[in-house]
Amino acid sequence: MASNSKGSSAASPPPPPSAWTKQQNKQFERALAVYDTDAPDRWHSVARYMGGTKSAEEVRRHYERLVADVEQIEAGNAPSSLGYGAAPPAGRGGAAAVERSMKYLKLQ
């Protein structure tokens, strides 16, 4: 049986988020528009759409950070930590606001 080099049986914390380029953020937005909340196996599908550059776990965490940023922006707090320039349209916050704003993206 392989031993843990740190000698701890506790689960390790998730790795820090990897950097996302502007192009990857655009691709992520397009993927969210294609694979909405009702899509089966959404995060795996979004990861495949990303061309293998991000895992399903990475895209899920990125989405959660995006939702948190939207909530903070709508509350009038700090600007986005994900590099998005403008706040989404005002309305109900959280995931619903993100999903609504994805429907209005210009896909280029």
PDB file of N, CA and C in Angstrom:
ATOM      1  N   MET A   1       0.844  -1.178   0.000  1.00  0.00           N
ATOM      2  CA  MET A   1       0.000   0.000   0.000  1.00  0.00           C
ATOM      3  C   MET A   1       0.884   1.234   0.000  1.00  0.00           C
ATOM      4  N   ALA A   2       0.613   2.173  -0.900  1.00  0.00           N
ATOM      5  CA  ALA A   2       1.428   3.380  -1.017  1.00  0.00           C
ATOM      6  C   ALA A   2       1.132   4.311   0.136  1.00  0.00           C
ATOM      7  N   SER A   3       2.187   4.923   0.664  1.00  0.00           N
ATOM      8  CA  SER A   3       1.973   5.845   1.773  1.00  0.00           C
ATOM      9  C   SER A   3       1.949   7.271   1.280  1.00  0.00           C
ATOM     10  N   ASN A   4       1.258   8.099   2.004  1.00  0.00           N
ATOM     11  CA  ASN A   4       1.177   9.526   1.701  1.00  0.00           C
ATOM     12  C   ASN A   4       2.449  10.170   2.215  1.00  0.00           C
ATOM     13  N   SER A   5       3.152  10.923   1.362  1.00  0.00           N
ATOM     14  CA  SER A   5       4.430  11.510   1.760  1.00  0.00           C
ATOM     15  C   SER A   5       4.279  12.520   2.897  1.00  0.00           C
ATOM     16  N   LYS A   6       3.099  13.079   3.066  1.00  0.00           N
ATOM     17  CA  LYS A   6       2.877  14.047   4.142  1.00  0.00           C
ATOM     18  C   LYS A   6       2.371  13.368   5.407  1.00  0.00           C
ATOM     19  N   GLY A   7       2.019  12.086   5.294  1.00  0.00           N
ATOM     20  CA  GLY A   7       1.572  11.347   6.452  1.00  0.00           C
ATOM     21  C   GLY A   7       0.188  11.742   6.935  1.00  0.00           C
ATOM     22  N   SER A   8      -0.616  12.340   6.104  1.00  0.00           N
ATOM     23  CA  SER A   8      -1.948  12.786   6.507  1.00  0.00           C
ATOM     24  C   SER A   8      -2.995  12.044   5.707  1.00  0.00           C
ATOM     25  N   SER A   9      -4.061  11.629   6.372  1.00  0.00           N
ATOM     26  CA  SER A   9      -5.142  10.959   5.664  1.00  0.00           C
ATOM     27  C   SER A   9      -6.257  11.930   5.286  1.00  0.00           C
ATOM     28  N   ALA A  10      -6.132  13.201   5.678  1.00  0.00           N
ATOM     29  CA  ALA A  10      -7.150  14.204   5.361  1.00  0.00           C
ATOM     30  C   ALA A  10      -7.096  14.543   3.862  1.00  0.00           C
ATOM     31  N   ALA A  11      -8.234  14.869   3.317  1.00  0.00           N
ATOM     32  CA  ALA A  11      -8.303  15.248   1.904  1.00  0.00           C
ATOM     33  C   ALA A  11      -7.546  16.553   1.683  1.00  0.00           C
ATOM     34  N   SER A  12      -6.819  16.610   0.588  1.00  0.00           N
ATOM     35  CA  SER A  12      -6.057  17.828   0.299  1.00  0.00           C
ATOM     36  C   SER A  12      -6.983  18.889  -0.288  1.00  0.00           C
ATOM     37  N   PRO A  13      -6.665  20.155  -0.073  1.00  0.00           N
ATOM     38  CA  PRO A  13      -7.504  21.219  -0.623  1.00  0.00           C
ATOM     39  C   PRO A  13      -7.389  21.242  -2.136  1.00  0.00           C
ATOM     40  N   PRO A  14      -8.396  21.799  -2.823  1.00  0.00           N
ATOM     41  CA  PRO A  14      -8.331  21.846  -4.282  1.00  0.00           C
ATOM     42  C   PRO A  14      -7.155  22.706  -4.721  1.00  0.00           C
ATOM     43  N   PRO A  15      -6.592  22.400  -5.889  1.00  0.00           N
ATOM     44  CA  PRO A  15      -5.465  23.193  -6.377  1.00  0.00           C
ATOM     45  C   PRO A  15      -5.915  24.618  -6.675  1.00  0.00           C
ATOM     46  N   PRO A  16      -4.980  25.567  -6.652  1.00  0.00           N
ATOM     47  CA  PRO A  16      -5.354  26.945  -6.969  1.00  0.00           C
ATOM     48  C   PRO A  16      -5.860  27.029  -8.409  1.00  0.00           C
ATOM     49  N   PRO A  17      -6.729  27.988  -8.682  1.00  0.00           N
ATOM     50  CA  PRO A  17      -7.268  28.083 -10.039  1.00  0.00           C
ATOM     51  C   PRO A  17      -6.175  28.403 -11.044  1.00  0.00           C
ATOM     52  N   SER A  18      -6.241  27.748 -12.187  1.00  0.00           N
ATOM     53  CA  SER A  18      -5.281  28.057 -13.234  1.00  0.00           C
ATOM     54  C   SER A  18      -5.754  29.323 -13.955  1.00  0.00           C
ATOM     55  N   ALA A  19      -4.824  30.014 -14.550  1.00  0.00           N
ATOM     56  CA  ALA A  19      -5.151  31.261 -15.238  1.00  0.00           C
ATOM     57  C   ALA A  19      -5.996  30.967 -16.477  1.00  0.00           C
ATOM     58  N   TRP A  20      -6.942  31.839 -16.722  1.00  0.00           N
ATOM     59  CA  TRP A  20      -7.790  31.737 -17.902  1.00  0.00           C
ATOM     60  C   TRP A  20      -7.488  32.930 -18.796  1.00  0.00           C
ATOM     61  N   THR A  21      -7.247  32.671 -20.062  1.00  0.00           N
ATOM     62  CA  THR A  21      -6.999  33.750 -21.007  1.00  0.00           C
ATOM     63  C   THR A  21      -8.323  34.371 -21.427  1.00  0.00           C
ATOM     64  N   LYS A  22      -8.240  35.534 -22.043  1.00  0.00           N
ATOM     65  CA  LYS A  22      -9.447  36.187 -22.560  1.00  0.00           C
ATOM     66  C   LYS A  22     -10.143  35.271 -23.567  1.00  0.00           C
ATOM     67  N   GLN A  23      -9.365  34.610 -24.407  1.00  0.00           N
ATOM     68  CA  GLN A  23      -9.930  33.690 -25.398  1.00  0.00           C
ATOM     69  C   GLN A  23     -10.637  32.515 -24.721  1.00  0.00           C
ATOM     70  N   GLN A  24     -10.037  31.967 -23.667  1.00  0.00           N
ATOM     71  CA  GLN A  24     -10.672  30.865 -22.942  1.00  0.00           C
ATOM     72  C   GLN A  24     -11.954  31.316 -22.266  1.00  0.00           C
ATOM     73  N   ASN A  25     -11.973  32.536 -21.718  1.00  0.00           N
ATOM     74  CA  ASN A  25     -13.202  33.050 -21.118  1.00  0.00           C
ATOM     75  C   ASN A  25     -14.304  33.177 -22.164  1.00  0.00           C
ATOM     76  N   LYS A  26     -13.976  33.657 -23.355  1.00  0.00           N
ATOM     77  CA  LYS A  26     -14.974  33.760 -24.434  1.00  0.00           C
ATOM     78  C   LYS A  26     -15.483  32.372 -24.816  1.00  0.00           C
ATOM     79  N   GLN A  27     -14.550  31.422 -24.928  1.00  0.00           N
ATOM     80  CA  GLN A  27     -14.930  30.054 -25.272  1.00  0.00           C
ATOM     81  C   GLN A  27     -15.815  29.463 -24.173  1.00  0.00           C
ATOM     82  N   PHE A  28     -15.496  29.757 -22.934  1.00  0.00           N
ATOM     83  CA  PHE A  28     -16.284  29.305 -21.790  1.00  0.00           C
ATOM     84  C   PHE A  28     -17.701  29.878 -21.862  1.00  0.00           C
ATOM     85  N   GLU A  29     -17.820  31.172 -22.179  1.00  0.00           N
ATOM     86  CA  GLU A  29     -19.136  31.807 -22.316  1.00  0.00           C
ATOM     87  C   GLU A  29     -19.952  31.125 -23.413  1.00  0.00           C
ATOM     88  N   ARG A  30     -19.304  30.835 -24.534  1.00  0.00           N
ATOM     89  CA  ARG A  30     -20.011  30.154 -25.626  1.00  0.00           C
ATOM     90  C   ARG A  30     -20.464  28.766 -25.186  1.00  0.00           C
ATOM     91  N   ALA A  31     -19.599  28.063 -24.457  1.00  0.00           N
ATOM     92  CA  ALA A  31     -19.948  26.722 -23.983  1.00  0.00           C
ATOM     93  C   ALA A  31     -21.142  26.776 -23.038  1.00  0.00           C
ATOM     94  N   LEU A  32     -21.190  27.790 -22.166  1.00  0.00           N
ATOM     95  CA  LEU A  32     -22.336  27.916 -21.254  1.00  0.00           C
ATOM     96  C   LEU A  32     -23.619  28.192 -22.024  1.00  0.00           C
ATOM     97  N   ALA A  33     -23.516  28.912 -23.132  1.00  0.00           N
ATOM     98  CA  ALA A  33     -24.694  29.177 -23.956  1.00  0.00           C
ATOM     99  C   ALA A  33     -25.175  27.898 -24.648  1.00  0.00           C
ATOM    100  N   VAL A  34     -24.237  27.039 -25.021  1.00  0.00           N
ATOM    101  CA  VAL A  34     -24.579  25.781 -25.691  1.00  0.00           C
ATOM    102  C   VAL A  34     -25.108  24.764 -24.689  1.00  0.00           C
ATOM    103  N   TYR A  35     -24.419  24.643 -23.557  1.00  0.00           N
ATOM    104  CA  TYR A  35     -24.783  23.645 -22.541  1.00  0.00           C
ATOM    105  C   TYR A  35     -25.405  24.353 -21.346  1.00  0.00           C
ATOM    106  N   ASP A  36     -26.719  24.537 -21.400  1.00  0.00           N
ATOM    107  CA  ASP A  36     -27.394  25.263 -20.316  1.00  0.00           C
ATOM    108  C   ASP A  36     -27.552  24.380 -19.090  1.00  0.00           C
ATOM    109  N   THR A  37     -28.237  24.901 -18.103  1.00  0.00           N
ATOM    110  CA  THR A  37     -28.346  24.207 -16.816  1.00  0.00           C
ATOM    111  C   THR A  37     -29.033  22.852 -16.909  1.00  0.00           C
ATOM    112  N   ASP A  38     -29.814  22.625 -17.960  1.00  0.00           N
ATOM    113  CA  ASP A  38     -30.514  21.351 -18.108  1.00  0.00           C
ATOM    114  C   ASP A  38     -29.700  20.309 -18.867  1.00  0.00           C
ATOM    115  N   ALA A  39     -28.529  20.691 -19.383  1.00  0.00           N
ATOM    116  CA  ALA A  39     -27.722  19.753 -20.163  1.00  0.00           C
ATOM    117  C   ALA A  39     -27.196  18.635 -19.260  1.00  0.00           C
ATOM    118  N   PRO A  40     -27.359  17.391 -19.714  1.00  0.00           N
ATOM    119  CA  PRO A  40     -26.800  16.291 -18.917  1.00  0.00           C
ATOM    120  C   PRO A  40     -25.271  16.355 -18.954  1.00  0.00           C
ATOM    121  N   ASP A  41     -24.658  16.047 -17.834  1.00  0.00           N
ATOM    122  CA  ASP A  41     -23.201  16.015 -17.748  1.00  0.00           C
ATOM    123  C   ASP A  41     -22.590  17.343 -18.220  1.00  0.00           C
ATOM    124  N   ARG A  42     -23.196  18.430 -17.753  1.00  0.00           N
ATOM    125  CA  ARG A  42     -22.853  19.779 -18.228  1.00  0.00           C
ATOM    126  C   ARG A  42     -21.366  20.097 -18.148  1.00  0.00           C
ATOM    127  N   TRP A  43     -20.735  19.863 -17.018  1.00  0.00           N
ATOM    128  CA  TRP A  43     -19.351  20.303 -16.839  1.00  0.00           C
ATOM    129  C   TRP A  43     -18.387  19.503 -17.690  1.00  0.00           C
ATOM    130  N   HIS A  44     -18.673  18.229 -17.910  1.00  0.00           N
ATOM    131  CA  HIS A  44     -17.836  17.438 -18.820  1.00  0.00           C
ATOM    132  C   HIS A  44     -18.010  17.935 -20.256  1.00  0.00           C
ATOM    133  N   SER A  45     -19.235  18.286 -20.621  1.00  0.00           N
ATOM    134  CA  SER A  45     -19.486  18.809 -21.967  1.00  0.00           C
ATOM    135  C   SER A  45     -18.797  20.154 -22.179  1.00  0.00           C
ATOM    136  N   VAL A  46     -18.865  21.023 -21.170  1.00  0.00           N
ATOM    137  CA  VAL A  46     -18.194  22.327 -21.267  1.00  0.00           C
ATOM    138  C   VAL A  46     -16.686  22.125 -21.375  1.00  0.00           C
ATOM    139  N   ALA A  47     -16.133  21.200 -20.590  1.00  0.00           N
ATOM    140  CA  ALA A  47     -14.695  20.922 -20.653  1.00  0.00           C
ATOM    141  C   ALA A  47     -14.298  20.424 -22.040  1.00  0.00           C
ATOM    142  N   ARG A  48     -15.102  19.553 -22.632  1.00  0.00           N
ATOM    143  CA  ARG A  48     -14.812  19.081 -24.000  1.00  0.00           C
ATOM    144  C   ARG A  48     -14.869  20.240 -24.985  1.00  0.00           C
ATOM    145  N   TYR A  49     -15.842  21.126 -24.814  1.00  0.00           N
ATOM    146  CA  TYR A  49     -15.977  22.303 -25.675  1.00  0.00           C
ATOM    147  C   TYR A  49     -14.727  23.177 -25.586  1.00  0.00           C
ATOM    148  N   MET A  50     -14.104  23.174 -24.423  1.00  0.00           N
ATOM    149  CA  MET A  50     -12.887  23.967 -24.203  1.00  0.00           C
ATOM    150  C   MET A  50     -11.672  23.343 -24.890  1.00  0.00           C
ATOM    151  N   GLY A  51     -11.848  22.227 -25.543  1.00  0.00           N
ATOM    152  CA  GLY A  51     -10.761  21.610 -26.310  1.00  0.00           C
ATOM    153  C   GLY A  51      -9.738  20.885 -25.465  1.00  0.00           C
ATOM    154  N   GLY A  52     -10.143  20.474 -24.271  1.00  0.00           N
ATOM    155  CA  GLY A  52      -9.224  19.732 -23.424  1.00  0.00           C
ATOM    156  C   GLY A  52      -8.258  20.596 -22.631  1.00  0.00           C
ATOM    157  N   THR A  53      -8.422  21.919 -22.697  1.00  0.00           N
ATOM    158  CA  THR A  53      -7.518  22.809 -21.959  1.00  0.00           C
ATOM    159  C   THR A  53      -7.900  22.932 -20.493  1.00  0.00           C
ATOM    160  N   LYS A  54      -9.130  22.568 -20.158  1.00  0.00           N
ATOM    161  CA  LYS A  54      -9.626  22.652 -18.778  1.00  0.00           C
ATOM    162  C   LYS A  54     -10.384  21.369 -18.459  1.00  0.00           C
ATOM    163  N   SER A  55     -10.321  20.967 -17.200  1.00  0.00           N
ATOM    164  CA  SER A  55     -11.055  19.779 -16.755  1.00  0.00           C
ATOM    165  C   SER A  55     -12.490  20.168 -16.391  1.00  0.00           C
ATOM    166  N   ALA A  56     -13.329  19.161 -16.220  1.00  0.00           N
ATOM    167  CA  ALA A  56     -14.709  19.401 -15.799  1.00  0.00           C
ATOM    168  C   ALA A  56     -14.732  20.113 -14.447  1.00  0.00           C
ATOM    169  N   GLU A  57     -13.827  19.723 -13.550  1.00  0.00           N
ATOM    170  CA  GLU A  57     -13.760  20.366 -12.241  1.00  0.00           C
ATOM    171  C   GLU A  57     -13.324  21.831 -12.373  1.00  0.00           C
ATOM    172  N   GLU A  58     -12.373  22.111 -13.259  1.00  0.00           N
ATOM    173  CA  GLU A  58     -11.918  23.493 -13.450  1.00  0.00           C
ATOM    174  C   GLU A  58     -13.040  24.377 -13.993  1.00  0.00           C
ATOM    175  N   VAL A  59     -13.816  23.869 -14.972  1.00  0.00           N
ATOM    176  CA  VAL A  59     -14.888  24.700 -15.525  1.00  0.00           C
ATOM    177  C   VAL A  59     -16.007  24.890 -14.515  1.00  0.00           C
ATOM    178  N   ARG A  60     -16.272  23.867 -13.688  1.00  0.00           N
ATOM    179  CA  ARG A  60     -17.294  24.016 -12.652  1.00  0.00           C
ATOM    180  C   ARG A  60     -16.864  25.075 -11.634  1.00  0.00           C
ATOM    181  N   ARG A  61     -15.612  25.023 -11.189  1.00  0.00           N
ATOM    182  CA  ARG A  61     -15.117  26.021 -10.234  1.00  0.00           C
ATOM    183  C   ARG A  61     -15.110  27.424 -10.855  1.00  0.00           C
ATOM    184  N   HIS A  62     -14.753  27.514 -12.137  1.00  0.00           N
ATOM    185  CA  HIS A  62     -14.739  28.813 -12.811  1.00  0.00           C
ATOM    186  C   HIS A  62     -16.158  29.388 -12.857  1.00  0.00           C
ATOM    187  N   TYR A  63     -17.134  28.532 -13.116  1.00  0.00           N
ATOM    188  CA  TYR A  63     -18.532  28.960 -13.128  1.00  0.00           C
ATOM    189  C   TYR A  63     -18.953  29.452 -11.741  1.00  0.00           C
ATOM    190  N   GLU A  64     -18.564  28.719 -10.708  1.00  0.00           N
ATOM    191  CA  GLU A  64     -18.917  29.132  -9.345  1.00  0.00           C
ATOM    192  C   GLU A  64     -18.297  30.491  -9.012  1.00  0.00           C
ATOM    193  N   ARG A  65     -17.056  30.721  -9.444  1.00  0.00           N
ATOM    194  CA  ARG A  65     -16.427  32.031  -9.224  1.00  0.00           C
ATOM    195  C   ARG A  65     -17.143  33.113 -10.022  1.00  0.00           C
ATOM    196  N   LEU A  66     -17.573  32.784 -11.232  1.00  0.00           N
ATOM    197  CA  LEU A  66     -18.313  33.734 -12.058  1.00  0.00           C
ATOM    198  C   LEU A  66     -19.620  34.116 -11.376  1.00  0.00           C
ATOM    199  N   VAL A  67     -20.339  33.143 -10.857  1.00  0.00           N
ATOM    200  CA  VAL A  67     -21.590  33.413 -10.146  1.00  0.00           C
ATOM    201  C   VAL A  67     -21.324  34.309  -8.939  1.00  0.00           C
ATOM    202  N   ALA A  68     -20.281  33.987  -8.175  1.00  0.00           N
ATOM    203  CA  ALA A  68     -19.943  34.806  -7.003  1.00  0.00           C
ATOM    204  C   ALA A  68     -19.588  36.230  -7.425  1.00  0.00           C
ATOM    205  N   ASP A  69     -18.853  36.379  -8.528  1.00  0.00           N
ATOM    206  CA  ASP A  69     -18.499  37.712  -9.023  1.00  0.00           C
ATOM    207  C   ASP A  69     -19.740  38.493  -9.436  1.00  0.00           C
ATOM    208  N   VAL A  70     -20.659  37.833 -10.133  1.00  0.00           N
ATOM    209  CA  VAL A  70     -21.895  38.503 -10.553  1.00  0.00           C
ATOM    210  C   VAL A  70     -22.660  38.992  -9.333  1.00  0.00           C
ATOM    211  N   GLU A  71     -22.734  38.152  -8.309  1.00  0.00           N
ATOM    212  CA  GLU A  71     -23.432  38.549  -7.085  1.00  0.00           C
ATOM    213  C   GLU A  71     -22.760  39.760  -6.448  1.00  0.00           C
ATOM    214  N   GLN A  72     -21.427  39.776  -6.406  1.00  0.00           N
ATOM    215  CA  GLN A  72     -20.696  40.904  -5.819  1.00  0.00           C
ATOM    216  C   GLN A  72     -20.880  42.176  -6.641  1.00  0.00           C
ATOM    217  N   ILE A  73     -20.814  42.043  -7.953  1.00  0.00           N
ATOM    218  CA  ILE A  73     -20.979  43.207  -8.834  1.00  0.00           C
ATOM    219  C   ILE A  73     -22.380  43.785  -8.688  1.00  0.00           C
ATOM    220  N   GLU A  74     -23.382  42.915  -8.696  1.00  0.00           N
ATOM    221  CA  GLU A  74     -24.767  43.382  -8.556  1.00  0.00           C
ATOM    222  C   GLU A  74     -25.016  44.008  -7.196  1.00  0.00           C
ATOM    223  N   ALA A  75     -24.248  43.602  -6.193  1.00  0.00           N
ATOM    224  CA  ALA A  75     -24.382  44.184  -4.859  1.00  0.00           C
ATOM    225  C   ALA A  75     -23.609  45.499  -4.750  1.00  0.00           C
ATOM    226  N   GLY A  76     -22.915  45.881  -5.828  1.00  0.00           N
ATOM    227  CA  GLY A  76     -22.170  47.139  -5.839  1.00  0.00           C
ATOM    228  C   GLY A  76     -20.798  47.033  -5.212  1.00  0.00           C
ATOM    229  N   ASN A  77     -20.287  45.823  -5.096  1.00  0.00           N
ATOM    230  CA  ASN A  77     -18.980  45.614  -4.490  1.00  0.00           C
ATOM    231  C   ASN A  77     -17.876  45.584  -5.545  1.00  0.00           C
ATOM    232  N   ALA A  78     -16.767  45.016  -5.185  1.00  0.00           N
ATOM    233  CA  ALA A  78     -15.545  45.004  -5.992  1.00  0.00           C
ATOM    234  C   ALA A  78     -15.778  44.526  -7.424  1.00  0.00           C
ATOM    235  N   PRO A  79     -14.928  44.992  -8.340  1.00  0.00           N
ATOM    236  CA  PRO A  79     -15.019  44.528  -9.730  1.00  0.00           C
ATOM    237  C   PRO A  79     -14.675  43.049  -9.844  1.00  0.00           C
ATOM    238  N   SER A  80     -14.979  42.488 -10.977  1.00  0.00           N
ATOM    239  CA  SER A  80     -14.796  41.075 -11.237  1.00  0.00           C
ATOM    240  C   SER A  80     -13.364  40.623 -11.042  1.00  0.00           C
ATOM    241  N   SER A  81     -13.180  39.463 -10.417  1.00  0.00           N
ATOM    242  CA  SER A  81     -11.855  38.874 -10.249  1.00  0.00           C
ATOM    243  C   SER A  81     -11.497  37.965 -11.417  1.00  0.00           C
ATOM    244  N   LEU A  82     -12.419  37.769 -12.341  1.00  0.00           N
ATOM    245  CA  LEU A  82     -12.182  36.860 -13.457  1.00  0.00           C
ATOM    246  C   LEU A  82     -11.758  37.578 -14.733  1.00  0.00           C
ATOM    247  N   GLY A  83     -11.649  38.881 -14.699  1.00  0.00           N
ATOM    248  CA  GLY A  83     -11.188  39.600 -15.873  1.00  0.00           C
ATOM    249  C   GLY A  83     -12.300  40.017 -16.821  1.00  0.00           C
ATOM    250  N   TYR A  84     -13.543  39.899 -16.423  1.00  0.00           N
ATOM    251  CA  TYR A  84     -14.641  40.367 -17.250  1.00  0.00           C
ATOM    252  C   TYR A  84     -14.748  41.866 -17.059  1.00  0.00           C
ATOM    253  N   GLY A  85     -14.837  42.613 -18.151  1.00  0.00           N
ATOM    254  CA  GLY A  85     -14.780  44.056 -18.082  1.00  0.00           C
ATOM    255  C   GLY A  85     -16.018  44.735 -17.555  1.00  0.00           C
ATOM    256  N   ALA A  86     -17.188  44.332 -17.987  1.00  0.00           N
ATOM    257  CA  ALA A  86     -18.404  45.053 -17.623  1.00  0.00           C
ATOM    258  C   ALA A  86     -19.330  44.166 -16.812  1.00  0.00           C
ATOM    259  N   ALA A  87     -20.096  44.802 -15.973  1.00  0.00           N
ATOM    260  CA  ALA A  87     -21.081  44.074 -15.178  1.00  0.00           C
ATOM    261  C   ALA A  87     -22.208  43.596 -16.077  1.00  0.00           C
ATOM    262  N   PRO A  88     -22.806  42.452 -15.767  1.00  0.00           N
ATOM    263  CA  PRO A  88     -23.942  41.970 -16.528  1.00  0.00           C
ATOM    264  C   PRO A  88     -25.161  42.839 -16.264  1.00  0.00           C
ATOM    265  N   PRO A  89     -26.205  42.695 -17.091  1.00  0.00           N
ATOM    266  CA  PRO A  89     -27.406  43.479 -16.863  1.00  0.00           C
ATOM    267  C   PRO A  89     -27.950  43.252 -15.457  1.00  0.00           C
ATOM    268  N   ALA A  90     -28.508  44.298 -14.877  1.00  0.00           N
ATOM    269  CA  ALA A  90     -29.063  44.188 -13.527  1.00  0.00           C
ATOM    270  C   ALA A  90     -30.268  43.266 -13.537  1.00  0.00           C
ATOM    271  N   GLY A  91     -30.526  42.669 -12.438  1.00  0.00           N
ATOM    272  CA  GLY A  91     -31.658  41.755 -12.317  1.00  0.00           C
ATOM    273  C   GLY A  91     -31.416  40.862 -11.135  1.00  0.00           C
ATOM    274  N   ARG A  92     -32.079  39.719 -11.116  1.00  0.00           N
ATOM    275  CA  ARG A  92     -31.869  38.785 -10.026  1.00  0.00           C
ATOM    276  C   ARG A  92     -30.454  38.263 -10.101  1.00  0.00           C
ATOM    277  N   GLY A  93     -29.828  38.070  -8.959  1.00  0.00           N
ATOM    278  CA  GLY A  93     -28.422  37.705  -8.911  1.00  0.00           C
ATOM    279  C   GLY A  93     -28.161  36.223  -9.061  1.00  0.00           C
ATOM    280  N   GLY A  94     -26.908  35.892  -8.921  1.00  0.00           N
ATOM    281  CA  GLY A  94     -26.469  34.517  -8.892  1.00  0.00           C
ATOM    282  C   GLY A  94     -26.476  33.821 -10.233  1.00  0.00           C
ATOM    283  N   ALA A  95     -26.630  32.503 -10.158  1.00  0.00           N
ATOM    284  CA  ALA A  95     -26.548  31.671 -11.351  1.00  0.00           C
ATOM    285  C   ALA A  95     -27.594  32.060 -12.390  1.00  0.00           C
ATOM    286  N   ALA A  96     -28.780  32.422 -11.953  1.00  0.00           N
ATOM    287  CA  ALA A  96     -29.826  32.805 -12.907  1.00  0.00           C
ATOM    288  C   ALA A  96     -29.395  34.013 -13.725  1.00  0.00           C
ATOM    289  N   ALA A  97     -28.741  34.979 -13.091  1.00  0.00           N
ATOM    290  CA  ALA A  97     -28.271  36.167 -13.814  1.00  0.00           C
ATOM    291  C   ALA A  97     -27.201  35.791 -14.817  1.00  0.00           C
ATOM    292  N   VAL A  98     -26.309  34.901 -14.428  1.00  0.00           N
ATOM    293  CA  VAL A  98     -25.266  34.458 -15.355  1.00  0.00           C
ATOM    294  C   VAL A  98     -25.905  33.761 -16.543  1.00  0.00           C
ATOM    295  N   GLU A  99     -26.839  32.866 -16.272  1.00  0.00           N
ATOM    296  CA  GLU A  99     -27.493  32.138 -17.359  1.00  0.00           C
ATOM    297  C   GLU A  99     -28.242  33.084 -18.301  1.00  0.00           C
ATOM    298  N   ARG A 100     -28.937  34.074 -17.717  1.00  0.00           N
ATOM    299  CA  ARG A 100     -29.647  35.046 -18.562  1.00  0.00           C
ATOM    300  C   ARG A 100     -28.672  35.828 -19.426  1.00  0.00           C
ATOM    301  N   SER A 101     -27.556  36.246 -18.842  1.00  0.00           N
ATOM    302  CA  SER A 101     -26.614  37.064 -19.609  1.00  0.00           C
ATOM    303  C   SER A 101     -25.959  36.243 -20.721  1.00  0.00           C
ATOM    304  N   MET A 102     -25.815  34.942 -20.548  1.00  0.00           N
ATOM    305  CA  MET A 102     -25.233  34.103 -21.584  1.00  0.00           C
ATOM    306  C   MET A 102     -26.109  34.084 -22.848  1.00  0.00           C
ATOM    307  N   LYS A 103     -27.402  34.234 -22.681  1.00  0.00           N
ATOM    308  CA  LYS A 103     -28.326  34.207 -23.821  1.00  0.00           C
ATOM    309  C   LYS A 103     -28.168  35.431 -24.711  1.00  0.00           C
ATOM    310  N   TYR A 104     -27.571  36.498 -24.178  1.00  0.00           N
ATOM    311  CA  TYR A 104     -27.453  37.737 -24.927  1.00  0.00           C
ATOM    312  C   TYR A 104     -26.048  37.993 -25.451  1.00  0.00           C
ATOM    313  N   LEU A 105     -25.184  37.003 -25.336  1.00  0.00           N
ATOM    314  CA  LEU A 105     -23.816  37.173 -25.825  1.00  0.00           C
ATOM    315  C   LEU A 105     -23.799  37.191 -27.352  1.00  0.00           C
ATOM    316  N   LYS A 106     -22.906  37.978 -27.890  1.00  0.00           N
ATOM    317  CA  LYS A 106     -22.659  37.931 -29.325  1.00  0.00           C
ATOM    318  C   LYS A 106     -21.642  36.839 -29.552  1.00  0.00           C
ATOM    319  N   LEU A 107     -22.028  35.815 -30.261  1.00  0.00           N
ATOM    320  CA  LEU A 107     -21.092  34.741 -30.550  1.00  0.00           C
ATOM    321  C   LEU A 107     -20.352  35.106 -31.824  1.00  0.00           C
ATOM    322  N   GLN A 108     -19.065  35.299 -31.700  1.00  0.00           N
ATOM    323  CA  GLN A 108     -18.255  35.712 -32.852  1.00  0.00           C
ATOM    324  C   GLN A 108     -17.413  34.588 -33.347  1.00  0.00           C
TER     325      GLN A 108
END
